[in-house]
């Protein structure tokens, strides 16, 4: 009979809440038509709500953040006048806990003539910094070195699958963003931001860079403050490196200290 074929409210709710089955397979259109109009509307609303929730859980298996994953970093590069500034925060976050607030994510390469800032896993980023430093010794031109690094990063299966980081590199003439997808981007206005708060810092720097009374370092610090206030993975402990365009290039005798972790 129609009463036997039509599921009860309790059975319908139990079937709708099942996480392993799709809702549409339990309630047919024919069974819905046998119900009164008010009950049809109520069950349709219930099916719609649970169906939307279930479909999101069915197609998106990572609904929550992994507590073991590191979320961190805002790196900003500002080029204005005869100064190039790369600034980064010092916070490292694991899940909902701040595990370190004095991390150094901005470093010098190529005898101090190139500044790089990284976002991503620390070990992966340091590995890429070392590889970029080796490429700069082989290819002194920054663009060529970044292209060769991206080619190696993209073609090597171990690097592509295991290394997870993004770099911002700058010298006297050029600012580039290098990603693991093989993308090498040059910012138009001399401002580049990466990391969890990079978009906040970049937008703030673009708004401040046209003010004539502000230097490149002042623009970078003010923009980073905006990012620190907006992004929960960014703090106010900044590491700043500056390149003077008019300064003579450094030699091997002036090379900075080894990388610190």
Protein backbone atom coordinates (compact mmCIF):
# COMPACT_ATOMS: atom_id res chain seq x y z
CA UNK A 1 0.00 0.00 0.00
CA UNK A 2 0.95 3.65 -0.25
CA UNK A 3 1.29 3.87 3.54
CA UNK A 4 3.77 1.01 3.57
CA UNK A 5 5.81 2.41 0.67
CA UNK A 6 6.05 5.91 2.13
CA UNK A 7 8.80 6.07 4.81
CA UNK A 8 8.03 7.44 8.25
CA UNK A 9 9.47 10.72 9.56
CA UNK A 10 11.86 8.88 11.86
CA UNK A 11 13.12 6.62 9.08
CA UNK A 12 13.39 9.55 6.68
CA UNK A 13 15.46 11.61 9.12
CA UNK A 14 17.74 8.63 9.83
CA UNK A 15 18.31 8.07 6.13
CA UNK A 16 18.88 11.75 5.49
CA UNK A 17 21.54 11.87 8.19
CA UNK A 18 23.43 8.89 6.81
CA UNK A 19 26.94 10.12 5.85
CA UNK A 20 27.61 7.31 3.40
CA UNK A 21 24.59 7.54 1.10
CA UNK A 22 23.16 10.22 -1.10
CA UNK A 23 19.83 11.71 -0.10
CA UNK A 24 18.22 11.54 -3.50
CA UNK A 25 18.34 7.71 -3.51
CA UNK A 26 16.11 7.39 -0.41
CA UNK A 27 13.17 9.65 -1.07
CA UNK A 28 11.67 9.22 -4.51
CA UNK A 29 9.44 11.73 -6.24
CA UNK A 30 6.57 9.22 -6.33
CA UNK A 31 6.62 8.73 -2.54
CA UNK A 32 6.66 12.49 -2.01
CA UNK A 33 3.57 12.95 -4.14
CA UNK A 34 1.55 10.59 -1.90
CA UNK A 35 2.07 12.82 1.15
CA UNK A 36 -0.11 15.81 2.13
CA UNK A 37 1.02 19.18 0.84
CA UNK A 38 2.26 20.46 4.22
CA UNK A 39 4.19 17.26 4.89
CA UNK A 40 5.65 17.35 1.38
CA UNK A 41 6.93 20.88 2.00
CA UNK A 42 8.45 19.97 5.37
CA UNK A 43 10.22 16.90 4.06
CA UNK A 44 11.41 18.76 0.99
CA UNK A 45 12.96 21.41 3.23
CA UNK A 46 14.54 18.69 5.36
CA UNK A 47 15.87 16.91 2.31
CA UNK A 48 17.26 20.16 0.89
CA UNK A 49 19.06 21.11 4.11
CA UNK A 50 20.55 17.69 4.75
CA UNK A 51 21.28 17.21 1.06
CA UNK A 52 23.31 20.43 0.85
CA UNK A 53 25.21 19.60 4.02
CA UNK A 54 25.83 16.04 2.98
CA UNK A 55 26.96 16.95 -0.51
CA UNK A 56 29.53 19.37 0.88
CA UNK A 57 30.88 16.70 3.23
CA UNK A 58 30.79 14.11 0.43
CA UNK A 59 32.81 16.15 -2.04
CA UNK A 60 35.04 17.99 0.45
CA UNK A 61 36.87 15.54 2.67
CA UNK A 62 39.09 18.18 4.31
CA UNK A 63 36.53 20.27 6.12
CA UNK A 64 38.86 21.11 9.02
CA UNK A 65 42.47 22.28 9.11
CA UNK A 66 45.11 19.75 9.96
CA UNK A 67 46.43 20.62 13.43
CA UNK A 68 49.86 19.29 12.47
CA UNK A 69 50.23 21.67 9.51
CA UNK A 70 52.21 24.90 9.89
CA UNK A 71 50.37 28.06 8.88
CA UNK A 72 52.54 31.13 8.89
CA UNK A 73 54.21 34.05 7.24
CA UNK A 74 53.75 37.39 5.61
CA UNK A 75 56.58 38.46 3.31
CA UNK A 76 56.54 41.84 1.58
CA UNK A 77 58.93 43.42 -0.90
CA UNK A 78 58.76 47.16 -1.62
CA UNK A 79 60.85 48.88 -4.28
CA UNK A 80 60.81 52.67 -4.13
CA UNK A 81 63.41 55.21 -5.17
CA UNK A 82 66.91 53.83 -4.68
CA UNK A 83 65.89 51.36 -1.95
CA UNK A 84 64.65 47.78 -2.09
CA UNK A 85 63.12 46.49 1.16
CA UNK A 86 62.11 42.92 2.00
CA UNK A 87 60.33 42.49 5.32
CA UNK A 88 58.84 39.44 7.01
CA UNK A 89 57.20 38.57 10.31
CA UNK A 90 58.47 36.01 12.81
CA UNK A 91 55.41 33.94 13.73
CA UNK A 92 55.08 30.20 13.17
CA UNK A 93 51.69 28.66 13.97
CA UNK A 94 50.84 24.98 14.39
CA UNK A 95 47.10 24.42 14.56
CA UNK A 96 45.84 26.94 17.11
CA UNK A 97 49.18 27.32 18.91
CA UNK A 98 51.96 29.81 18.21
CA UNK A 99 55.11 27.69 18.42
CA UNK A 100 57.61 30.46 17.60
CA UNK A 101 57.45 34.23 17.23
CA UNK A 102 61.04 35.08 16.27
CA UNK A 103 61.56 33.02 13.11
CA UNK A 104 63.85 34.52 10.48
CA UNK A 105 62.19 34.25 7.07
CA UNK A 106 64.19 36.93 5.23
CA UNK A 107 67.77 36.18 4.24
CA UNK A 108 70.58 37.34 1.97
CA UNK A 109 72.06 35.27 -0.85
CA UNK A 110 74.80 35.72 -3.46
CA UNK A 111 77.25 37.43 -1.10
CA UNK A 112 74.48 39.68 0.18
CA UNK A 113 73.51 41.06 -3.23
CA UNK A 114 70.15 39.24 -3.34
CA UNK A 115 67.44 39.21 -0.68
CA UNK A 116 64.94 36.37 -0.42
CA UNK A 117 61.89 35.81 1.76
CA UNK A 118 60.05 32.52 1.96
CA UNK A 119 56.59 31.29 2.89
CA UNK A 120 55.93 27.63 3.59
CA UNK A 121 57.61 24.79 5.44
CA UNK A 122 60.89 25.95 6.97
CA UNK A 123 63.02 23.00 5.86
CA UNK A 124 61.64 23.16 2.31
CA UNK A 125 62.21 26.89 2.11
CA UNK A 126 65.79 26.64 3.38
CA UNK A 127 66.47 23.89 0.85
CA UNK A 128 65.18 26.12 -1.93
CA UNK A 129 67.26 29.04 -0.67
CA UNK A 130 70.37 26.88 -0.84
CA UNK A 131 69.47 25.71 -4.34
CA UNK A 132 68.81 29.29 -5.44
CA UNK A 133 72.16 30.36 -4.00
CA UNK A 134 73.82 27.60 -6.02
CA UNK A 135 71.98 28.71 -9.16
CA UNK A 136 73.09 32.29 -8.58
CA UNK A 137 76.71 31.16 -8.50
CA UNK A 138 76.17 29.34 -11.77
CA UNK A 139 74.03 32.06 -13.37
CA UNK A 140 74.79 35.53 -11.92
CA UNK A 141 71.68 37.04 -13.52
CA UNK A 142 68.73 36.76 -11.11
CA UNK A 143 66.05 36.06 -13.72
CA UNK A 144 68.08 33.27 -15.34
CA UNK A 145 68.83 31.72 -11.95
CA UNK A 146 65.14 31.77 -10.96
CA UNK A 147 64.11 30.22 -14.28
CA UNK A 148 66.64 27.42 -13.83
CA UNK A 149 65.47 26.90 -10.24
CA UNK A 150 61.82 26.73 -11.33
CA UNK A 151 62.69 24.28 -14.09
CA UNK A 152 64.49 22.02 -11.64
CA UNK A 153 61.72 22.46 -9.06
CA UNK A 154 59.08 21.53 -11.63
CA UNK A 155 60.88 18.67 -13.35
CA UNK A 156 62.30 16.91 -10.29
CA UNK A 157 59.58 14.64 -8.87
CA UNK A 158 61.01 14.62 -5.36
CA UNK A 159 61.13 18.42 -5.20
CA UNK A 160 57.71 18.89 -6.77
CA UNK A 161 55.94 16.54 -4.40
CA UNK A 162 57.84 17.11 -1.15
CA UNK A 163 58.99 20.74 -1.16
CA UNK A 164 56.20 23.16 -0.31
CA UNK A 165 57.31 26.80 -0.31
CA UNK A 166 57.08 30.10 -2.19
CA UNK A 167 59.98 32.53 -2.58
CA UNK A 168 60.27 36.27 -3.14
CA UNK A 169 63.67 37.30 -4.43
CA UNK A 170 64.98 40.79 -5.17
CA UNK A 171 68.18 42.45 -6.24
CA UNK A 172 69.00 45.99 -7.36
CA UNK A 173 67.13 45.67 -10.64
CA UNK A 174 64.44 43.00 -10.31
CA UNK A 175 61.82 41.58 -7.95
CA UNK A 176 60.41 38.10 -8.62
CA UNK A 177 58.00 35.66 -7.01
CA UNK A 178 58.83 31.98 -7.58
CA UNK A 179 56.29 29.24 -6.82
CA UNK A 180 56.39 25.47 -6.88
CA UNK A 181 54.02 25.40 -9.85
CA UNK A 182 56.75 26.85 -12.04
CA UNK A 183 55.31 30.38 -11.94
CA UNK A 184 57.79 33.27 -12.04
CA UNK A 185 56.03 36.58 -11.59
CA UNK A 186 57.37 40.12 -11.64
CA UNK A 187 55.21 42.75 -9.89
CA UNK A 188 54.27 45.78 -11.94
CA UNK A 189 54.45 48.45 -9.23
CA UNK A 190 57.48 47.13 -7.39
CA UNK A 191 55.36 45.63 -4.59
CA UNK A 192 55.08 41.90 -3.98
CA UNK A 193 53.51 40.02 -1.07
CA UNK A 194 53.28 36.31 -0.31
CA UNK A 195 52.07 34.16 2.56
CA UNK A 196 48.91 34.09 4.62
CA UNK A 197 48.86 37.88 5.07
CA UNK A 198 50.62 38.77 1.83
CA UNK A 199 47.53 40.17 0.12
CA UNK A 200 46.83 42.52 3.05
CA UNK A 201 50.39 43.82 3.11
CA UNK A 202 50.52 44.17 -0.68
CA UNK A 203 47.27 46.16 -0.86
CA UNK A 204 48.36 48.44 1.98
CA UNK A 205 51.75 49.02 0.37
CA UNK A 206 50.15 49.86 -2.98
CA UNK A 207 48.02 52.47 -1.21
CA UNK A 208 51.03 54.02 0.56
CA UNK A 209 53.73 53.83 -2.08
CA UNK A 210 52.62 57.01 -3.92
CA UNK A 211 52.98 59.17 -0.79
CA UNK A 212 56.18 61.18 -1.46
CA UNK A 213 57.15 61.68 2.20
CA UNK A 214 57.33 57.93 2.95
CA UNK A 215 60.47 55.96 2.24
CA UNK A 216 60.47 52.36 1.08
CA UNK A 217 61.16 51.07 4.59
CA UNK A 218 58.38 53.19 6.10
CA UNK A 219 55.92 51.95 3.48
CA UNK A 220 56.94 48.35 4.17
CA UNK A 221 56.63 48.68 7.95
CA UNK A 222 53.24 50.42 7.80
CA UNK A 223 51.91 47.82 5.35
CA UNK A 224 53.18 44.97 7.52
CA UNK A 225 51.44 46.48 10.53
CA UNK A 226 48.16 46.34 8.61
CA UNK A 227 48.81 42.70 7.75
CA UNK A 228 49.76 41.88 11.34
CA UNK A 229 46.52 43.38 12.62
CA UNK A 230 44.40 41.53 10.02
CA UNK A 231 46.09 38.12 9.78
CA UNK A 232 46.14 35.81 12.81
CA UNK A 233 49.25 34.03 11.47
CA UNK A 234 51.35 37.24 11.39
CA UNK A 235 52.91 39.01 14.36
CA UNK A 236 54.75 42.31 14.85
CA UNK A 237 58.30 40.90 15.10
CA UNK A 238 59.79 41.98 11.78
CA UNK A 239 63.01 41.11 10.03
CA UNK A 240 64.02 43.78 7.51
CA UNK A 241 66.69 43.61 4.82
CA UNK A 242 67.48 46.60 2.57
CA UNK A 243 69.41 46.92 -0.68
CA UNK A 244 70.76 50.29 -1.75
CA UNK A 245 70.72 50.54 -5.53
CA UNK A 246 73.66 52.96 -5.49
CA UNK A 247 75.83 50.67 -3.37
CA UNK A 248 78.67 48.68 -4.89
CA UNK A 249 78.09 44.92 -5.22
CA UNK A 250 79.57 42.81 -2.43
CA UNK A 251 82.32 40.28 -3.06
CA UNK A 252 83.03 36.89 -1.50
CA UNK A 253 85.14 38.52 1.21
CA UNK A 254 82.06 40.40 2.42
CA UNK A 255 79.83 37.34 2.44
CA UNK A 256 77.38 37.20 5.35
CA UNK A 257 77.26 34.54 8.01
CA UNK A 258 75.83 31.06 7.23
CA UNK A 259 72.08 30.54 7.30
CA UNK A 260 70.49 30.20 10.73
CA UNK A 261 67.41 28.19 11.55
